[in-house]
Amino acid sequence: MKRILAAIGLIMLLQNAWAIDIRTAKAEGLVGEANTGFIAAVHTPASAEVRALIADVNNKRKAQFDSTARKTDTSVAQVAHRFYELAVQKTASGHFYQDSAGRWKKK
């Protein structure tokens, strides 16, 4: 029984170690800042791991956009657009972002 619990613990630890984070995904050119205020896959099809990261990050951003829109009496679209503008300014050299026409650009 102890071996089974230890094995499960090791599997869980390794799963977390394998999970990609947003910094790594951006640095590897897998995701970039989309012109919608969310992140998106730069190249498709994206792996399941990258799709899961995108969904997680975008769900958190959506919640933050909703909250900020309510607090500032603006629309979610306005908040998302302003976030996009700031995100592009902060995008590191070598990382990707979409221009206003939706084309991926490498900064």
N, C-alpha and C. Protein backbone atom coordinates (compact mmCIF):
# COMPACT_ATOMS: atom_id res chain seq x y z
N MET A 1 0.83 -1.20 0.00
CA MET A 1 0.00 0.00 0.00
C MET A 1 0.87 1.26 0.00
N LYS A 2 1.94 1.23 0.79
CA LYS A 2 2.83 2.39 0.85
C LYS A 2 3.49 2.63 -0.51
N ARG A 3 3.81 1.54 -1.21
CA ARG A 3 4.43 1.67 -2.52
C ARG A 3 3.47 2.31 -3.52
N ILE A 4 2.20 1.93 -3.43
CA ILE A 4 1.20 2.48 -4.33
C ILE A 4 1.05 3.97 -4.08
N LEU A 5 0.96 4.36 -2.81
CA LEU A 5 0.83 5.77 -2.48
C LEU A 5 2.07 6.55 -2.91
N ALA A 6 3.23 5.97 -2.73
CA ALA A 6 4.47 6.62 -3.15
C ALA A 6 4.50 6.77 -4.67
N ALA A 7 4.05 5.75 -5.39
CA ALA A 7 4.03 5.80 -6.85
C ALA A 7 3.06 6.87 -7.34
N ILE A 8 1.89 6.95 -6.71
CA ILE A 8 0.91 7.97 -7.08
C ILE A 8 1.47 9.36 -6.81
N GLY A 9 2.12 9.51 -5.67
CA GLY A 9 2.74 10.79 -5.34
C GLY A 9 3.80 11.18 -6.35
N LEU A 10 4.60 10.21 -6.78
CA LEU A 10 5.64 10.47 -7.77
C LEU A 10 5.02 10.85 -9.11
N ILE A 11 3.98 10.17 -9.51
CA ILE A 11 3.30 10.49 -10.77
C ILE A 11 2.75 11.91 -10.73
N MET A 12 2.12 12.27 -9.62
CA MET A 12 1.57 13.63 -9.49
C MET A 12 2.68 14.67 -9.54
N LEU A 13 3.78 14.39 -8.90
CA LEU A 13 4.91 15.30 -8.91
C LEU A 13 5.46 15.46 -10.32
N LEU A 14 5.60 14.36 -11.03
CA LEU A 14 6.12 14.42 -12.39
C LEU A 14 5.16 15.12 -13.34
N GLN A 15 3.86 14.93 -13.15
CA GLN A 15 2.88 15.61 -13.99
C GLN A 15 3.04 17.11 -13.85
N ASN A 16 3.20 17.59 -12.63
CA ASN A 16 3.39 19.01 -12.42
C ASN A 16 4.70 19.49 -13.02
N ALA A 17 5.71 18.68 -12.97
CA ALA A 17 7.00 19.05 -13.54
C ALA A 17 6.91 19.14 -15.06
N TRP A 18 6.06 18.34 -15.69
CA TRP A 18 5.92 18.34 -17.13
C TRP A 18 5.00 19.44 -17.64
N ALA A 19 4.16 19.95 -16.77
CA ALA A 19 3.21 20.96 -17.20
C ALA A 19 3.95 22.21 -17.67
N ILE A 20 3.55 22.72 -18.81
CA ILE A 20 4.20 23.90 -19.37
C ILE A 20 3.58 25.14 -18.75
N ASP A 21 4.39 26.15 -18.53
CA ASP A 21 3.87 27.41 -18.01
C ASP A 21 3.90 28.46 -19.11
N ILE A 22 3.24 29.57 -18.86
CA ILE A 22 3.09 30.59 -19.90
C ILE A 22 4.44 31.19 -20.32
N ARG A 23 5.34 31.37 -19.39
CA ARG A 23 6.65 31.94 -19.75
C ARG A 23 7.39 31.02 -20.72
N THR A 24 7.38 29.74 -20.40
CA THR A 24 8.05 28.77 -21.26
C THR A 24 7.38 28.70 -22.62
N ALA A 25 6.06 28.67 -22.62
CA ALA A 25 5.31 28.58 -23.88
C ALA A 25 5.57 29.81 -24.76
N LYS A 26 5.66 30.99 -24.15
CA LYS A 26 5.97 32.19 -24.92
C LYS A 26 7.40 32.15 -25.44
N ALA A 27 8.33 31.76 -24.58
CA ALA A 27 9.74 31.70 -24.96
C ALA A 27 9.98 30.71 -26.10
N GLU A 28 9.20 29.63 -26.12
CA GLU A 28 9.34 28.61 -27.16
C GLU A 28 8.52 28.94 -28.41
N GLY A 29 7.81 30.07 -28.39
CA GLY A 29 7.03 30.47 -29.56
C GLY A 29 5.76 29.67 -29.76
N LEU A 30 5.29 29.03 -28.70
CA LEU A 30 4.08 28.21 -28.79
C LEU A 30 2.82 29.05 -28.67
N VAL A 31 2.86 30.08 -27.84
CA VAL A 31 1.72 30.96 -27.64
C VAL A 31 2.18 32.41 -27.73
N GLY A 32 1.23 33.28 -27.98
CA GLY A 32 1.52 34.70 -28.04
C GLY A 32 0.30 35.48 -27.60
N GLU A 33 0.50 36.79 -27.52
CA GLU A 33 -0.59 37.68 -27.14
C GLU A 33 -1.46 37.93 -28.36
N ALA A 34 -2.69 37.46 -28.30
CA ALA A 34 -3.64 37.66 -29.40
C ALA A 34 -4.22 39.07 -29.29
N ASN A 35 -4.70 39.60 -30.40
CA ASN A 35 -5.25 40.96 -30.40
C ASN A 35 -6.61 41.07 -29.70
N THR A 36 -7.05 39.99 -29.12
CA THR A 36 -8.30 39.96 -28.36
C THR A 36 -8.09 40.21 -26.87
N GLY A 37 -6.82 40.25 -26.43
CA GLY A 37 -6.53 40.37 -25.01
C GLY A 37 -6.26 39.03 -24.36
N PHE A 38 -6.42 37.98 -25.12
CA PHE A 38 -6.18 36.64 -24.61
C PHE A 38 -4.90 36.10 -25.25
N ILE A 39 -4.48 34.91 -24.84
CA ILE A 39 -3.35 34.27 -25.52
C ILE A 39 -3.91 33.25 -26.51
N ALA A 40 -3.10 32.94 -27.49
CA ALA A 40 -3.52 31.97 -28.51
C ALA A 40 -2.29 31.22 -28.99
N ALA A 41 -2.55 30.07 -29.61
CA ALA A 41 -1.47 29.28 -30.19
C ALA A 41 -0.94 30.01 -31.42
N VAL A 42 0.37 30.12 -31.51
CA VAL A 42 0.99 30.77 -32.66
C VAL A 42 0.92 29.85 -33.87
N HIS A 43 1.13 28.56 -33.65
CA HIS A 43 1.07 27.57 -34.73
C HIS A 43 0.02 26.53 -34.36
N THR A 44 -0.73 26.11 -35.35
CA THR A 44 -1.74 25.09 -35.10
C THR A 44 -1.41 23.86 -35.93
N PRO A 45 -1.78 22.70 -35.50
CA PRO A 45 -2.50 22.46 -34.26
C PRO A 45 -1.55 22.51 -33.05
N ALA A 46 -2.08 22.99 -31.95
CA ALA A 46 -1.32 23.04 -30.71
C ALA A 46 -1.49 21.72 -29.97
N SER A 47 -0.50 21.39 -29.17
CA SER A 47 -0.59 20.16 -28.38
C SER A 47 -1.68 20.30 -27.32
N ALA A 48 -2.08 19.18 -26.78
CA ALA A 48 -3.10 19.19 -25.72
C ALA A 48 -2.61 19.99 -24.52
N GLU A 49 -1.32 19.89 -24.23
CA GLU A 49 -0.75 20.62 -23.10
C GLU A 49 -0.84 22.13 -23.34
N VAL A 50 -0.55 22.57 -24.53
CA VAL A 50 -0.61 24.00 -24.86
C VAL A 50 -2.07 24.46 -24.87
N ARG A 51 -2.96 23.65 -25.41
CA ARG A 51 -4.39 24.01 -25.41
C ARG A 51 -4.90 24.15 -23.98
N ALA A 52 -4.46 23.28 -23.08
CA ALA A 52 -4.88 23.35 -21.68
C ALA A 52 -4.34 24.63 -21.03
N LEU A 53 -3.10 24.97 -21.33
CA LEU A 53 -2.52 26.21 -20.80
C LEU A 53 -3.31 27.42 -21.30
N ILE A 54 -3.60 27.45 -22.58
CA ILE A 54 -4.35 28.56 -23.17
C ILE A 54 -5.71 28.70 -22.48
N ALA A 55 -6.40 27.60 -22.32
CA ALA A 55 -7.72 27.64 -21.67
C ALA A 55 -7.63 28.15 -20.24
N ASP A 56 -6.64 27.68 -19.51
CA ASP A 56 -6.47 28.10 -18.12
C ASP A 56 -6.17 29.60 -18.02
N VAL A 57 -5.20 30.06 -18.79
CA VAL A 57 -4.82 31.48 -18.76
C VAL A 57 -5.99 32.35 -19.21
N ASN A 58 -6.65 31.95 -20.29
CA ASN A 58 -7.74 32.77 -20.81
C ASN A 58 -8.95 32.80 -19.88
N ASN A 59 -9.23 31.71 -19.18
CA ASN A 59 -10.32 31.72 -18.20
C ASN A 59 -10.01 32.71 -17.08
N LYS A 60 -8.76 32.74 -16.63
CA LYS A 60 -8.37 33.67 -15.58
C LYS A 60 -8.43 35.11 -16.08
N ARG A 61 -7.98 35.32 -17.31
CA ARG A 61 -8.05 36.67 -17.87
C ARG A 61 -9.49 37.13 -18.03
N LYS A 62 -10.35 36.24 -18.50
CA LYS A 62 -11.76 36.59 -18.69
C LYS A 62 -12.38 37.03 -17.37
N ALA A 63 -12.09 36.29 -16.31
CA ALA A 63 -12.62 36.66 -14.98
C ALA A 63 -12.09 38.02 -14.56
N GLN A 64 -10.82 38.29 -14.81
CA GLN A 64 -10.25 39.58 -14.45
C GLN A 64 -10.83 40.70 -15.32
N PHE A 65 -11.03 40.45 -16.59
CA PHE A 65 -11.62 41.45 -17.48
C PHE A 65 -13.04 41.78 -17.02
N ASP A 66 -13.82 40.75 -16.68
CA ASP A 66 -15.19 40.95 -16.20
C ASP A 66 -15.19 41.81 -14.94
N SER A 67 -14.33 41.46 -14.00
CA SER A 67 -14.24 42.20 -12.73
C SER A 67 -13.84 43.65 -12.95
N THR A 68 -12.84 43.86 -13.77
CA THR A 68 -12.37 45.22 -14.03
C THR A 68 -13.43 46.04 -14.75
N ALA A 69 -14.12 45.43 -15.69
CA ALA A 69 -15.19 46.14 -16.42
C ALA A 69 -16.29 46.59 -15.46
N ARG A 70 -16.66 45.72 -14.53
CA ARG A 70 -17.69 46.09 -13.55
C ARG A 70 -17.21 47.24 -12.66
N LYS A 71 -15.98 47.16 -12.21
CA LYS A 71 -15.43 48.18 -11.30
C LYS A 71 -15.24 49.53 -11.98
N THR A 72 -14.96 49.52 -13.26
CA THR A 72 -14.67 50.77 -13.97
C THR A 72 -15.82 51.24 -14.85
N ASP A 73 -16.92 50.53 -14.81
CA ASP A 73 -18.11 50.86 -15.59
C ASP A 73 -17.77 51.00 -17.08
N THR A 74 -17.00 50.02 -17.57
CA THR A 74 -16.66 49.95 -18.99
C THR A 74 -17.05 48.57 -19.50
N SER A 75 -16.84 48.36 -20.77
CA SER A 75 -17.17 47.04 -21.34
C SER A 75 -15.99 46.09 -21.21
N VAL A 76 -16.29 44.82 -21.24
CA VAL A 76 -15.25 43.80 -21.23
C VAL A 76 -14.35 43.97 -22.45
N ALA A 77 -14.94 44.31 -23.59
CA ALA A 77 -14.16 44.50 -24.81
C ALA A 77 -13.15 45.64 -24.65
N GLN A 78 -13.56 46.72 -23.98
CA GLN A 78 -12.64 47.84 -23.76
C GLN A 78 -11.49 47.42 -22.84
N VAL A 79 -11.82 46.69 -21.79
CA VAL A 79 -10.79 46.22 -20.86
C VAL A 79 -9.83 45.28 -21.57
N ALA A 80 -10.36 44.34 -22.35
CA ALA A 80 -9.53 43.38 -23.06
C ALA A 80 -8.62 44.09 -24.06
N HIS A 81 -9.15 45.08 -24.76
CA HIS A 81 -8.33 45.80 -25.73
C HIS A 81 -7.20 46.56 -25.05
N ARG A 82 -7.51 47.22 -23.94
CA ARG A 82 -6.46 47.94 -23.21
C ARG A 82 -5.42 46.97 -22.67
N PHE A 83 -5.85 45.81 -22.20
CA PHE A 83 -4.92 44.79 -21.72
C PHE A 83 -4.00 44.35 -22.86
N TYR A 84 -4.58 44.15 -24.04
CA TYR A 84 -3.80 43.76 -25.21
C TYR A 84 -2.72 44.81 -25.50
N GLU A 85 -3.10 46.08 -25.49
CA GLU A 85 -2.13 47.14 -25.77
C GLU A 85 -0.96 47.10 -24.78
N LEU A 86 -1.29 46.94 -23.52
CA LEU A 86 -0.24 46.88 -22.49
C LEU A 86 0.60 45.61 -22.63
N ALA A 87 -0.06 44.49 -22.94
CA ALA A 87 0.65 43.23 -23.09
C ALA A 87 1.65 43.29 -24.24
N VAL A 88 1.27 43.93 -25.33
CA VAL A 88 2.18 44.06 -26.47
C VAL A 88 3.38 44.91 -26.08
N GLN A 89 3.14 45.98 -25.34
CA GLN A 89 4.25 46.83 -24.88
C GLN A 89 5.23 46.03 -24.03
N LYS A 90 4.69 45.11 -23.22
CA LYS A 90 5.51 44.33 -22.30
C LYS A 90 6.04 43.03 -22.91
N THR A 91 5.63 42.72 -24.12
CA THR A 91 6.08 41.49 -24.76
C THR A 91 7.59 41.51 -24.92
N ALA A 92 8.22 40.45 -24.49
CA ALA A 92 9.68 40.36 -24.55
C ALA A 92 10.16 40.16 -25.98
N SER A 93 11.36 40.59 -26.22
CA SER A 93 11.99 40.39 -27.51
C SER A 93 12.02 38.89 -27.84
N GLY A 94 11.63 38.56 -29.06
CA GLY A 94 11.61 37.16 -29.49
C GLY A 94 10.28 36.47 -29.24
N HIS A 95 9.36 37.12 -28.52
CA HIS A 95 8.04 36.54 -28.27
C HIS A 95 7.06 37.07 -29.31
N PHE A 96 5.93 36.38 -29.43
CA PHE A 96 4.96 36.70 -30.46
C PHE A 96 3.76 37.47 -29.93
N TYR A 97 3.20 38.30 -30.81
CA TYR A 97 1.94 39.00 -30.57
C TYR A 97 1.24 39.15 -31.91
N GLN A 98 -0.06 39.37 -31.87
CA GLN A 98 -0.82 39.60 -33.10
C GLN A 98 -0.95 41.09 -33.33
N ASP A 99 -0.82 41.50 -34.59
CA ASP A 99 -1.12 42.89 -34.90
C ASP A 99 -2.64 43.05 -34.99
N SER A 100 -3.09 44.26 -35.29
CA SER A 100 -4.53 44.50 -35.30
C SER A 100 -5.26 43.70 -36.38
N ALA A 101 -4.52 43.25 -37.41
CA ALA A 101 -5.13 42.43 -38.48
C ALA A 101 -5.08 40.94 -38.17
N GLY A 102 -4.49 40.57 -37.03
CA GLY A 102 -4.45 39.17 -36.64
C GLY A 102 -3.23 38.42 -37.13
N ARG A 103 -2.25 39.13 -37.71
CA ARG A 103 -1.02 38.49 -38.16
C ARG A 103 -0.04 38.36 -36.98
N TRP A 104 0.60 37.19 -36.87
CA TRP A 104 1.58 37.01 -35.80
C TRP A 104 2.86 37.75 -36.15
N LYS A 105 3.37 38.48 -35.17
CA LYS A 105 4.62 39.23 -35.30
C LYS A 105 5.55 38.81 -34.19
N LYS A 106 6.83 38.74 -34.51
CA LYS A 106 7.83 38.43 -33.50
C LYS A 106 8.48 39.75 -33.08
N LYS A 107 8.46 40.01 -31.81
CA LYS A 107 8.99 41.28 -31.32
C LYS A 107 10.51 41.23 -31.27
